[in-house]
PDB file of all heavy atoms in Angstrom:
ATOM      1  N   ALA A   1     -13.320  -6.137 -15.989  1.00  0.00           N
ATOM      2  CA  ALA A   1     -13.038  -4.885 -16.717  1.00  0.00           C
ATOM      3  C   ALA A   1     -12.155  -3.951 -15.986  1.00  0.00           C
ATOM      4  O   ALA A   1     -11.302  -3.207 -16.447  1.00  0.00           O
ATOM      5  CB  ALA A   1     -14.350  -4.088 -16.941  1.00  0.00           C
ATOM      6  N   ASP A   2     -12.167  -4.077 -14.569  1.00  0.00           N
ATOM      7  CA  ASP A   2     -11.188  -3.254 -13.751  1.00  0.00           C
ATOM      8  C   ASP A   2      -9.774  -3.688 -13.931  1.00  0.00           C
ATOM      9  O   ASP A   2      -8.842  -3.027 -13.993  1.00  0.00           O
ATOM     10  CB  ASP A   2     -11.591  -3.325 -12.315  1.00  0.00           C
ATOM     11  CG  ASP A   2     -12.958  -2.692 -11.991  1.00  0.00           C
ATOM     12  OD1 ASP A   2     -13.197  -1.669 -12.619  1.00  0.00           O
ATOM     13  OD2 ASP A   2     -13.731  -3.331 -11.338  1.00  0.00           O
ATOM     14  N   TYR A   3      -9.641  -5.089 -14.062  1.00  0.00           N
ATOM     15  CA  TYR A   3      -8.208  -5.591 -14.363  1.00  0.00           C
ATOM     16  C   TYR A   3      -7.700  -5.078 -15.678  1.00  0.00           C
ATOM     17  O   TYR A   3      -6.600  -4.795 -15.779  1.00  0.00           O
ATOM     18  CB  TYR A   3      -8.285  -7.130 -14.363  1.00  0.00           C
ATOM     19  CG  TYR A   3      -8.326  -7.774 -12.982  1.00  0.00           C
ATOM     20  CD1 TYR A   3      -9.463  -8.375 -12.544  1.00  0.00           C
ATOM     21  CD2 TYR A   3      -7.219  -7.841 -12.190  1.00  0.00           C
ATOM     22  CE1 TYR A   3      -9.521  -9.044 -11.219  1.00  0.00           C
ATOM     23  CE2 TYR A   3      -7.168  -8.469 -10.914  1.00  0.00           C
ATOM     24  CZ  TYR A   3      -8.350  -8.993 -10.500  1.00  0.00           C
ATOM     25  OH  TYR A   3      -8.309  -9.640  -9.196  1.00  0.00           O
ATOM     26  N   ALA A   4      -8.648  -4.982 -16.631  1.00  0.00           N
ATOM     27  CA  ALA A   4      -8.229  -4.511 -17.955  1.00  0.00           C
ATOM     28  C   ALA A   4      -7.800  -3.064 -17.929  1.00  0.00           C
ATOM     29  O   ALA A   4      -6.717  -2.668 -18.509  1.00  0.00           O
ATOM     30  CB  ALA A   4      -9.345  -4.775 -18.958  1.00  0.00           C
ATOM     31  N   LYS A   5      -8.596  -2.252 -17.255  1.00  0.00           N
ATOM     32  CA  LYS A   5      -8.269  -0.791 -17.240  1.00  0.00           C
ATOM     33  C   LYS A   5      -6.939  -0.475 -16.561  1.00  0.00           C
ATOM     34  O   LYS A   5      -6.157   0.348 -17.047  1.00  0.00           O
ATOM     35  CB  LYS A   5      -9.434   0.055 -16.607  1.00  0.00           C
ATOM     36  CG  LYS A   5      -9.505   0.011 -15.139  1.00  0.00           C
ATOM     37  CD  LYS A   5     -10.725   0.641 -14.463  1.00  0.00           C
ATOM     38  CE  LYS A   5     -10.721   0.474 -13.053  1.00  0.00           C
ATOM     39  NZ  LYS A   5     -12.015   0.913 -12.366  1.00  0.00           N
ATOM     40  N   VAL A   6      -6.709  -1.231 -15.399  1.00  0.00           N
ATOM     41  CA  VAL A   6      -5.457  -0.888 -14.605  1.00  0.00           C
ATOM     42  C   VAL A   6      -4.271  -1.544 -15.407  1.00  0.00           C
ATOM     43  O   VAL A   6      -3.109  -0.996 -15.341  1.00  0.00           O
ATOM     44  CB  VAL A   6      -5.500  -1.361 -13.272  1.00  0.00           C
ATOM     45  CG1 VAL A   6      -6.723  -0.628 -12.481  1.00  0.00           C
ATOM     46  CG2 VAL A   6      -5.647  -2.842 -13.066  1.00  0.00           C
ATOM     47  N   ASN A   7      -4.536  -2.608 -16.117  1.00  0.00           N
ATOM     48  CA  ASN A   7      -3.442  -3.161 -16.932  1.00  0.00           C
ATOM     49  C   ASN A   7      -2.987  -2.209 -17.990  1.00  0.00           C
ATOM     50  O   ASN A   7      -1.764  -1.930 -18.122  1.00  0.00           O
ATOM     51  CB  ASN A   7      -3.977  -4.452 -17.632  1.00  0.00           C
ATOM     52  CG  ASN A   7      -2.889  -5.134 -18.580  1.00  0.00           C
ATOM     53  OD1 ASN A   7      -2.569  -4.515 -19.554  1.00  0.00           O
ATOM     54  ND2 ASN A   7      -2.570  -6.347 -18.225  1.00  0.00           N
ATOM     55  N   VAL A   8      -3.889  -1.585 -18.689  1.00  0.00           N
ATOM     56  CA  VAL A   8      -3.554  -0.586 -19.763  1.00  0.00           C
ATOM     57  C   VAL A   8      -2.976   0.703 -19.153  1.00  0.00           C
ATOM     58  O   VAL A   8      -2.032   1.255 -19.732  1.00  0.00           O
ATOM     59  CB  VAL A   8      -4.826  -0.346 -20.679  1.00  0.00           C
ATOM     60  CG1 VAL A   8      -4.500   0.702 -21.739  1.00  0.00           C
ATOM     61  CG2 VAL A   8      -5.280  -1.650 -21.405  1.00  0.00           C
ATOM     62  N   TYR A   9      -3.509   1.055 -18.023  1.00  0.00           N
ATOM     63  CA  TYR A   9      -2.932   2.287 -17.348  1.00  0.00           C
ATOM     64  C   TYR A   9      -1.532   2.020 -16.876  1.00  0.00           C
ATOM     65  O   TYR A   9      -0.580   2.793 -17.059  1.00  0.00           O
ATOM     66  CB  TYR A   9      -3.730   2.749 -16.269  1.00  0.00           C
ATOM     67  CG  TYR A   9      -3.311   4.011 -15.573  1.00  0.00           C
ATOM     68  CD1 TYR A   9      -3.571   5.280 -16.160  1.00  0.00           C
ATOM     69  CD2 TYR A   9      -2.707   4.044 -14.330  1.00  0.00           C
ATOM     70  CE1 TYR A   9      -3.064   6.461 -15.529  1.00  0.00           C
ATOM     71  CE2 TYR A   9      -2.234   5.174 -13.709  1.00  0.00           C
ATOM     72  CZ  TYR A   9      -2.514   6.396 -14.322  1.00  0.00           C
ATOM     73  OH  TYR A   9      -2.052   7.610 -13.738  1.00  0.00           O
ATOM     74  N   GLY A  10      -1.252   0.874 -16.336  1.00  0.00           N
ATOM     75  CA  GLY A  10       0.064   0.523 -15.846  1.00  0.00           C
ATOM     76  C   GLY A  10       1.031   0.359 -17.060  1.00  0.00           C
ATOM     77  O   GLY A  10       2.147   0.802 -16.936  1.00  0.00           O
ATOM     78  N   ALA A  11       0.573  -0.096 -18.221  1.00  0.00           N
ATOM     79  CA  ALA A  11       1.379  -0.188 -19.395  1.00  0.00           C
ATOM     80  C   ALA A  11       1.814   1.186 -19.845  1.00  0.00           C
ATOM     81  O   ALA A  11       2.954   1.456 -20.275  1.00  0.00           O
ATOM     82  CB  ALA A  11       0.636  -0.894 -20.428  1.00  0.00           C
ATOM     83  N   TYR A  12       0.918   2.199 -19.727  1.00  0.00           N
ATOM     84  CA  TYR A  12       1.265   3.475 -20.057  1.00  0.00           C
ATOM     85  C   TYR A  12       2.291   4.106 -19.184  1.00  0.00           C
ATOM     86  O   TYR A  12       3.306   4.748 -19.529  1.00  0.00           O
ATOM     87  CB  TYR A  12      -0.039   4.430 -19.994  1.00  0.00           C
ATOM     88  CG  TYR A  12       0.127   5.845 -19.592  1.00  0.00           C
ATOM     89  CD1 TYR A  12       0.669   6.728 -20.450  1.00  0.00           C
ATOM     90  CD2 TYR A  12      -0.278   6.270 -18.310  1.00  0.00           C
ATOM     91  CE1 TYR A  12       0.814   8.126 -20.103  1.00  0.00           C
ATOM     92  CE2 TYR A  12      -0.112   7.629 -17.969  1.00  0.00           C
ATOM     93  CZ  TYR A  12       0.334   8.482 -18.905  1.00  0.00           C
ATOM     94  OH  TYR A  12       0.473   9.863 -18.486  1.00  0.00           O
ATOM     95  N   LEU A  13       2.162   3.820 -17.808  1.00  0.00           N
ATOM     96  CA  LEU A  13       3.209   4.315 -16.849  1.00  0.00           C
ATOM     97  C   LEU A  13       4.540   3.650 -17.145  1.00  0.00           C
ATOM     98  O   LEU A  13       5.557   4.387 -17.135  1.00  0.00           O
ATOM     99  CB  LEU A  13       2.751   4.038 -15.430  1.00  0.00           C
ATOM    100  CG  LEU A  13       1.484   4.824 -14.864  1.00  0.00           C
ATOM    101  CD1 LEU A  13       1.190   4.329 -13.443  1.00  0.00           C
ATOM    102  CD2 LEU A  13       1.692   6.304 -14.868  1.00  0.00           C
ATOM    103  N   LEU A  14       4.558   2.290 -17.362  1.00  0.00           N
ATOM    104  CA  LEU A  14       5.804   1.637 -17.639  1.00  0.00           C
ATOM    105  C   LEU A  14       6.563   2.225 -18.813  1.00  0.00           C
ATOM    106  O   LEU A  14       7.668   2.345 -18.791  1.00  0.00           O
ATOM    107  CB  LEU A  14       5.442   0.171 -17.884  1.00  0.00           C
ATOM    108  CG  LEU A  14       5.328  -0.785 -16.673  1.00  0.00           C
ATOM    109  CD1 LEU A  14       4.884  -2.165 -17.144  1.00  0.00           C
ATOM    110  CD2 LEU A  14       6.622  -0.884 -15.909  1.00  0.00           C
ATOM    111  N   ARG A  15       5.792   2.551 -19.835  1.00  0.00           N
ATOM    112  CA  ARG A  15       6.493   2.909 -21.104  1.00  0.00           C
ATOM    113  C   ARG A  15       6.805   4.369 -21.218  1.00  0.00           C
ATOM    114  O   ARG A  15       7.402   4.786 -22.176  1.00  0.00           O
ATOM    115  CB  ARG A  15       5.571   2.454 -22.367  1.00  0.00           C
ATOM    116  CG  ARG A  15       5.560   0.940 -22.503  1.00  0.00           C
ATOM    117  CD  ARG A  15       4.335   0.363 -23.240  1.00  0.00           C
ATOM    118  NE  ARG A  15       4.393  -1.012 -23.454  1.00  0.00           N
ATOM    119  CZ  ARG A  15       4.102  -1.932 -22.490  1.00  0.00           C
ATOM    120  NH1 ARG A  15       3.749  -1.604 -21.314  1.00  0.00           N
ATOM    121  NH2 ARG A  15       4.232  -3.208 -22.768  1.00  0.00           N
ATOM    122  N   ASN A  16       6.259   5.146 -20.180  1.00  0.00           N
ATOM    123  CA  ASN A  16       6.548   6.615 -20.309  1.00  0.00           C
ATOM    124  C   ASN A  16       7.324   7.183 -19.054  1.00  0.00           C
ATOM    125  O   ASN A  16       7.845   8.358 -19.196  1.00  0.00           O
ATOM    126  CB  ASN A  16       5.292   7.332 -20.467  1.00  0.00           C
ATOM    127  CG  ASN A  16       4.690   7.107 -21.803  1.00  0.00           C
ATOM    128  OD1 ASN A  16       5.050   7.748 -22.830  1.00  0.00           O
ATOM    129  ND2 ASN A  16       3.770   6.220 -21.984  1.00  0.00           N
ATOM    130  N   TYR A  17       7.333   6.430 -17.957  1.00  0.00           N
ATOM    131  CA  TYR A  17       7.829   7.057 -16.764  1.00  0.00           C
ATOM    132  C   TYR A  17       8.865   6.157 -16.008  1.00  0.00           C
ATOM    133  O   TYR A  17       8.921   6.148 -14.750  1.00  0.00           O
ATOM    134  CB  TYR A  17       6.722   7.401 -15.800  1.00  0.00           C
ATOM    135  CG  TYR A  17       6.019   8.552 -16.325  1.00  0.00           C
ATOM    136  CD1 TYR A  17       4.705   8.446 -16.813  1.00  0.00           C
ATOM    137  CD2 TYR A  17       6.551   9.850 -16.379  1.00  0.00           C
ATOM    138  CE1 TYR A  17       4.038   9.616 -17.412  1.00  0.00           C
ATOM    139  CE2 TYR A  17       5.851  11.006 -16.983  1.00  0.00           C
ATOM    140  CZ  TYR A  17       4.591  10.747 -17.462  1.00  0.00           C
ATOM    141  OH  TYR A  17       3.891  11.869 -17.903  1.00  0.00           O
ATOM    142  N   GLY A  18       9.696   5.390 -16.764  1.00  0.00           N
ATOM    143  CA  GLY A  18      10.866   4.797 -16.127  1.00  0.00           C
ATOM    144  C   GLY A  18      10.831   3.310 -15.968  1.00  0.00           C
ATOM    145  O   GLY A  18      11.612   2.734 -15.296  1.00  0.00           O
ATOM    146  N   GLY A  19       9.756   2.622 -16.548  1.00  0.00           N
ATOM    147  CA  GLY A  19       9.789   1.148 -16.533  1.00  0.00           C
ATOM    148  C   GLY A  19       9.739   0.613 -15.063  1.00  0.00           C
ATOM    149  O   GLY A  19       8.872   1.003 -14.202  1.00  0.00           O
ATOM    150  N   ALA A  20      10.655  -0.310 -14.789  1.00  0.00           N
ATOM    151  CA  ALA A  20      10.640  -0.944 -13.461  1.00  0.00           C
ATOM    152  C   ALA A  20      10.787   0.036 -12.304  1.00  0.00           C
ATOM    153  O   ALA A  20      10.295  -0.239 -11.229  1.00  0.00           O
ATOM    154  CB  ALA A  20      11.743  -2.073 -13.405  1.00  0.00           C
ATOM    155  N   GLN A  21      11.513   1.103 -12.593  1.00  0.00           N
ATOM    156  CA  GLN A  21      11.767   2.094 -11.469  1.00  0.00           C
ATOM    157  C   GLN A  21      10.488   2.678 -11.033  1.00  0.00           C
ATOM    158  O   GLN A  21      10.330   2.840  -9.721  1.00  0.00           O
ATOM    159  CB  GLN A  21      12.631   3.190 -12.035  1.00  0.00           C
ATOM    160  CG  GLN A  21      13.002   4.237 -10.986  1.00  0.00           C
ATOM    161  CD  GLN A  21      14.008   3.710  -9.947  1.00  0.00           C
ATOM    162  OE1 GLN A  21      15.012   3.346 -10.326  1.00  0.00           O
ATOM    163  NE2 GLN A  21      13.561   3.772  -8.771  1.00  0.00           N
ATOM    164  N   VAL A  22       9.493   2.965 -11.812  1.00  0.00           N
ATOM    165  CA  VAL A  22       8.241   3.540 -11.425  1.00  0.00           C
ATOM    166  C   VAL A  22       7.411   2.549 -10.492  1.00  0.00           C
ATOM    167  O   VAL A  22       6.774   2.898  -9.566  1.00  0.00           O
ATOM    168  CB  VAL A  22       7.396   4.142 -12.595  1.00  0.00           C
ATOM    169  CG1 VAL A  22       6.741   3.074 -13.412  1.00  0.00           C
ATOM    170  CG2 VAL A  22       6.384   5.117 -12.081  1.00  0.00           C
ATOM    171  N   LEU A  23       7.475   1.226 -10.984  1.00  0.00           N
ATOM    172  CA  LEU A  23       6.771   0.272 -10.103  1.00  0.00           C
ATOM    173  C   LEU A  23       7.413   0.169  -8.691  1.00  0.00           C
ATOM    174  O   LEU A  23       6.658   0.110  -7.726  1.00  0.00           O
ATOM    175  CB  LEU A  23       6.968  -1.136 -10.838  1.00  0.00           C
ATOM    176  CG  LEU A  23       6.334  -1.191 -12.259  1.00  0.00           C
ATOM    177  CD1 LEU A  23       6.436  -2.683 -12.691  1.00  0.00           C
ATOM    178  CD2 LEU A  23       4.895  -0.768 -12.298  1.00  0.00           C
ATOM    179  N   HIS A  24       8.767   0.040  -8.761  1.00  0.00           N
ATOM    180  CA  HIS A  24       9.480   0.115  -7.366  1.00  0.00           C
ATOM    181  C   HIS A  24       9.075   1.308  -6.523  1.00  0.00           C
ATOM    182  O   HIS A  24       8.766   1.165  -5.375  1.00  0.00           O
ATOM    183  CB  HIS A  24      11.032   0.098  -7.728  1.00  0.00           C
ATOM    184  CG  HIS A  24      11.874   0.330  -6.475  1.00  0.00           C
ATOM    185  ND1 HIS A  24      12.128   1.615  -5.956  1.00  0.00           N
ATOM    186  CD2 HIS A  24      12.400  -0.592  -5.609  1.00  0.00           C
ATOM    187  CE1 HIS A  24      12.882   1.464  -4.865  1.00  0.00           C
ATOM    188  NE2 HIS A  24      13.055   0.151  -4.619  1.00  0.00           N
ATOM    189  N   ASP A  25       9.050   2.495  -7.174  1.00  0.00           N
ATOM    190  CA  ASP A  25       8.857   3.735  -6.392  1.00  0.00           C
ATOM    191  C   ASP A  25       7.383   3.773  -5.927  1.00  0.00           C
ATOM    192  O   ASP A  25       7.189   4.396  -4.794  1.00  0.00           O
ATOM    193  CB  ASP A  25       9.207   4.958  -7.158  1.00  0.00           C
ATOM    194  CG  ASP A  25      10.710   5.028  -7.407  1.00  0.00           C
ATOM    195  OD1 ASP A  25      11.418   4.272  -6.832  1.00  0.00           O
ATOM    196  OD2 ASP A  25      11.049   5.811  -8.313  1.00  0.00           O
ATOM    197  N   ILE A  26       6.441   3.197  -6.554  1.00  0.00           N
ATOM    198  CA  ILE A  26       5.085   3.167  -6.178  1.00  0.00           C
ATOM    199  C   ILE A  26       4.939   2.461  -4.804  1.00  0.00           C
ATOM    200  O   ILE A  26       4.256   2.752  -3.890  1.00  0.00           O
ATOM    201  CB  ILE A  26       4.091   2.586  -7.212  1.00  0.00           C
ATOM    202  CG1 ILE A  26       3.978   3.582  -8.307  1.00  0.00           C
ATOM    203  CG2 ILE A  26       2.688   2.495  -6.600  1.00  0.00           C
ATOM    204  CD1 ILE A  26       3.242   3.103  -9.540  1.00  0.00           C
ATOM    205  N   VAL A  27       5.627   1.320  -4.839  1.00  0.00           N
ATOM    206  CA  VAL A  27       5.619   0.393  -3.599  1.00  0.00           C
ATOM    207  C   VAL A  27       6.477   1.012  -2.438  1.00  0.00           C
ATOM    208  O   VAL A  27       6.020   0.874  -1.309  1.00  0.00           O
ATOM    209  CB  VAL A  27       6.093  -0.987  -3.988  1.00  0.00           C
ATOM    210  CG1 VAL A  27       6.386  -1.905  -2.709  1.00  0.00           C
ATOM    211  CG2 VAL A  27       5.217  -1.701  -4.872  1.00  0.00           C
ATOM    212  N   HIS A  28       7.568   1.651  -2.745  1.00  0.00           N
ATOM    213  CA  HIS A  28       8.478   2.107  -1.764  1.00  0.00           C
ATOM    214  C   HIS A  28       8.203   3.537  -1.374  1.00  0.00           C
ATOM    215  O   HIS A  28       9.201   4.282  -0.948  1.00  0.00           O
ATOM    216  CB  HIS A  28       9.941   1.928  -2.209  1.00  0.00           C
ATOM    217  CG  HIS A  28      10.317   0.469  -2.235  1.00  0.00           C
ATOM    218  ND1 HIS A  28      11.253  -0.029  -1.333  1.00  0.00           N
ATOM    219  CD2 HIS A  28       9.930  -0.542  -3.029  1.00  0.00           C
ATOM    220  CE1 HIS A  28      11.401  -1.225  -1.563  1.00  0.00           C
ATOM    221  NE2 HIS A  28      10.755  -1.651  -2.508  1.00  0.00           N
ATOM    222  N   ASN A  29       6.975   4.017  -1.362  1.00  0.00           N
ATOM    223  CA  ASN A  29       6.538   5.230  -0.650  1.00  0.00           C
ATOM    224  C   ASN A  29       5.380   4.913   0.333  1.00  0.00           C
ATOM    225  O   ASN A  29       4.813   3.759   0.353  1.00  0.00           O
ATOM    226  CB  ASN A  29       6.180   6.380  -1.737  1.00  0.00           C
ATOM    227  CG  ASN A  29       5.015   6.025  -2.569  1.00  0.00           C
ATOM    228  OD1 ASN A  29       3.968   5.559  -2.044  1.00  0.00           O
ATOM    229  ND2 ASN A  29       5.088   6.397  -3.827  1.00  0.00           N
ATOM    230  N   SER A  30       5.051   5.862   1.197  1.00  0.00           N
ATOM    231  CA  SER A  30       4.086   5.587   2.151  1.00  0.00           C
ATOM    232  C   SER A  30       2.671   6.008   1.815  1.00  0.00           C
ATOM    233  O   SER A  30       1.767   5.998   2.707  1.00  0.00           O
ATOM    234  CB  SER A  30       4.518   6.406   3.492  1.00  0.00           C
ATOM    235  OG  SER A  30       4.632   7.734   3.262  1.00  0.00           O
ATOM    236  N   PHE A  31       2.378   6.283   0.603  1.00  0.00           N
ATOM    237  CA  PHE A  31       1.040   6.739   0.187  1.00  0.00           C
ATOM    238  C   PHE A  31       0.217   5.560  -0.253  1.00  0.00           C
ATOM    239  O   PHE A  31       0.754   4.621  -0.782  1.00  0.00           O
ATOM    240  CB  PHE A  31       1.063   7.678  -1.053  1.00  0.00           C
ATOM    241  CG  PHE A  31       1.765   8.972  -0.707  1.00  0.00           C
ATOM    242  CD1 PHE A  31       3.160   9.219  -1.217  1.00  0.00           C
ATOM    243  CD2 PHE A  31       1.339   9.939   0.106  1.00  0.00           C
ATOM    244  CE1 PHE A  31       3.791  10.389  -1.078  1.00  0.00           C
ATOM    245  CE2 PHE A  31       2.027  11.121   0.377  1.00  0.00           C
ATOM    246  CZ  PHE A  31       3.222  11.390  -0.119  1.00  0.00           C
ATOM    247  N   ASP A  32      -1.053   5.524   0.170  1.00  0.00           N
ATOM    248  CA  ASP A  32      -1.939   4.345  -0.172  1.00  0.00           C
ATOM    249  C   ASP A  32      -2.942   4.659  -1.161  1.00  0.00           C
ATOM    250  O   ASP A  32      -3.841   3.768  -1.591  1.00  0.00           O
ATOM    251  CB  ASP A  32      -2.657   3.841   1.116  1.00  0.00           C
ATOM    252  CG  ASP A  32      -3.497   4.929   1.722  1.00  0.00           C
ATOM    253  OD1 ASP A  32      -3.736   5.977   1.144  1.00  0.00           O
ATOM    254  OD2 ASP A  32      -3.922   4.681   2.862  1.00  0.00           O
ATOM    255  N   ASP A  33      -2.924   5.952  -1.796  1.00  0.00           N
ATOM    256  CA  ASP A  33      -3.939   6.278  -2.885  1.00  0.00           C
ATOM    257  C   ASP A  33      -3.270   6.760  -4.062  1.00  0.00           C
ATOM    258  O   ASP A  33      -2.049   6.483  -4.320  1.00  0.00           O
ATOM    259  CB  ASP A  33      -4.913   7.297  -2.282  1.00  0.00           C
ATOM    260  CG  ASP A  33      -4.190   8.681  -1.751  1.00  0.00           C
ATOM    261  OD1 ASP A  33      -2.997   8.761  -2.046  1.00  0.00           O
ATOM    262  OD2 ASP A  33      -4.794   9.448  -1.171  1.00  0.00           O
ATOM    263  N   GLN A  34      -3.946   7.524  -4.869  1.00  0.00           N
ATOM    264  CA  GLN A  34      -3.399   8.041  -6.136  1.00  0.00           C
ATOM    265  C   GLN A  34      -2.119   8.876  -6.046  1.00  0.00           C
ATOM    266  O   GLN A  34      -1.228   8.862  -6.971  1.00  0.00           O
ATOM    267  CB  GLN A  34      -4.420   8.881  -6.879  1.00  0.00           C
ATOM    268  CG  GLN A  34      -4.743  10.224  -6.233  1.00  0.00           C
ATOM    269  CD  GLN A  34      -5.929  10.857  -6.749  1.00  0.00           C
ATOM    270  OE1 GLN A  34      -6.944  10.188  -6.993  1.00  0.00           O
ATOM    271  NE2 GLN A  34      -5.894  12.160  -7.004  1.00  0.00           N
ATOM    272  N   GLN A  35      -1.939   9.348  -4.836  1.00  0.00           N
ATOM    273  CA  GLN A  35      -0.652  10.106  -4.602  1.00  0.00           C
ATOM    274  C   GLN A  35       0.562   9.154  -4.619  1.00  0.00           C
ATOM    275  O   GLN A  35       1.682   9.574  -4.942  1.00  0.00           O
ATOM    276  CB  GLN A  35      -0.639  10.759  -3.234  1.00  0.00           C
ATOM    277  CG  GLN A  35       0.480  11.770  -2.977  1.00  0.00           C
ATOM    278  CD  GLN A  35       0.573  12.852  -4.026  1.00  0.00           C
ATOM    279  OE1 GLN A  35      -0.418  13.370  -4.420  1.00  0.00           O
ATOM    280  NE2 GLN A  35       1.777  13.167  -4.421  1.00  0.00           N
ATOM    281  N   ALA A  36       0.401   7.865  -4.354  1.00  0.00           N
ATOM    282  CA  ALA A  36       1.466   6.910  -4.538  1.00  0.00           C
ATOM    283  C   ALA A  36       1.971   6.872  -5.906  1.00  0.00           C
ATOM    284  O   ALA A  36       3.194   6.879  -6.180  1.00  0.00           O
ATOM    285  CB  ALA A  36       1.013   5.512  -4.014  1.00  0.00           C
ATOM    286  N   VAL A  37       1.107   6.926  -6.891  1.00  0.00           N
ATOM    287  CA  VAL A  37       1.426   6.953  -8.318  1.00  0.00           C
ATOM    288  C   VAL A  37       2.108   8.383  -8.663  1.00  0.00           C
ATOM    289  O   VAL A  37       3.141   8.399  -9.315  1.00  0.00           O
ATOM    290  CB  VAL A  37       0.274   6.718  -9.197  1.00  0.00           C
ATOM    291  CG1 VAL A  37       0.547   6.817 -10.727  1.00  0.00           C
ATOM    292  CG2 VAL A  37      -0.307   5.342  -8.945  1.00  0.00           C
ATOM    293  N   VAL A  38       1.543   9.444  -8.264  1.00  0.00           N
ATOM    294  CA  VAL A  38       1.996  10.751  -8.575  1.00  0.00           C
ATOM    295  C   VAL A  38       3.378  10.937  -7.973  1.00  0.00           C
ATOM    296  O   VAL A  38       4.241  11.410  -8.651  1.00  0.00           O
ATOM    297  CB  VAL A  38       1.097  11.817  -8.129  1.00  0.00           C
ATOM    298  CG1 VAL A  38       1.695  13.265  -8.191  1.00  0.00           C
ATOM    299  CG2 VAL A  38      -0.305  11.696  -8.736  1.00  0.00           C
ATOM    300  N   ASP A  39       3.651  10.587  -6.763  1.00  0.00           N
ATOM    301  CA  ASP A  39       4.874  10.720  -6.104  1.00  0.00           C
ATOM    302  C   ASP A  39       5.909   9.944  -6.886  1.00  0.00           C
ATOM    303  O   ASP A  39       7.112  10.391  -7.122  1.00  0.00           O
ATOM    304  CB  ASP A  39       4.802  10.186  -4.656  1.00  0.00           C
ATOM    305  CG  ASP A  39       6.122  10.389  -3.898  1.00  0.00           C
ATOM    306  OD1 ASP A  39       6.446  11.497  -3.506  1.00  0.00           O
ATOM    307  OD2 ASP A  39       6.875   9.336  -3.712  1.00  0.00           O
ATOM    308  N   ALA A  40       5.624   8.654  -7.257  1.00  0.00           N
ATOM    309  CA  ALA A  40       6.613   7.815  -7.966  1.00  0.00           C
ATOM    310  C   ALA A  40       6.941   8.360  -9.401  1.00  0.00           C
ATOM    311  O   ALA A  40       8.110   8.510  -9.688  1.00  0.00           O
ATOM    312  CB  ALA A  40       6.099   6.370  -8.160  1.00  0.00           C
ATOM    313  N   VAL A  41       5.927   8.961 -10.064  1.00  0.00           N
ATOM    314  CA  VAL A  41       6.113   9.600 -11.378  1.00  0.00           C
ATOM    315  C   VAL A  41       6.967  10.837 -11.236  1.00  0.00           C
ATOM    316  O   VAL A  41       7.923  11.009 -12.005  1.00  0.00           O
ATOM    317  CB  VAL A  41       4.788   9.936 -12.053  1.00  0.00           C
ATOM    318  CG1 VAL A  41       5.015  10.806 -13.226  1.00  0.00           C
ATOM    319  CG2 VAL A  41       4.105   8.637 -12.519  1.00  0.00           C
ATOM    320  N   ASN A  42       6.696  11.483 -10.167  1.00  0.00           N
ATOM    321  CA  ASN A  42       7.440  12.771  -9.867  1.00  0.00           C
ATOM    322  C   ASN A  42       9.003  12.502  -9.622  1.00  0.00           C
ATOM    323  O   ASN A  42       9.807  13.447  -9.707  1.00  0.00           O
ATOM    324  CB  ASN A  42       6.922  13.556  -8.815  1.00  0.00           C
ATOM    325  CG  ASN A  42       5.637  14.207  -9.013  1.00  0.00           C
ATOM    326  OD1 ASN A  42       4.923  14.649  -8.102  1.00  0.00           O
ATOM    327  ND2 ASN A  42       5.152  14.338 -10.221  1.00  0.00           N
ATOM    328  N   GLN A  43       9.248  11.314  -9.220  1.00  0.00           N
ATOM    329  CA  GLN A  43      10.770  10.875  -9.022  1.00  0.00           C
ATOM    330  C   GLN A  43      11.500  10.832 -10.309  1.00  0.00           C
ATOM    331  O   GLN A  43      12.779  10.855 -10.253  1.00  0.00           O
ATOM    332  CB  GLN A  43      10.849   9.643  -8.193  1.00  0.00           C
ATOM    333  CG  GLN A  43      10.079   9.544  -6.873  1.00  0.00           C
ATOM    334  CD  GLN A  43      10.518  10.681  -5.923  1.00  0.00           C
ATOM    335  OE1 GLN A  43      11.757  10.915  -5.687  1.00  0.00           O
ATOM    336  NE2 GLN A  43       9.618  11.435  -5.430  1.00  0.00           N
TER     337      GLN A  43
END
């Protein structure tokens, strides 16, 4: 069920906040928690 929820949340980020760019930016920052997502979205 955890795979399912993060799949659907990731699909929301992909389709609303820049597609591949937001995935790249989550990996290429130094945060290890939810701030990694927030920082990438803020870019």
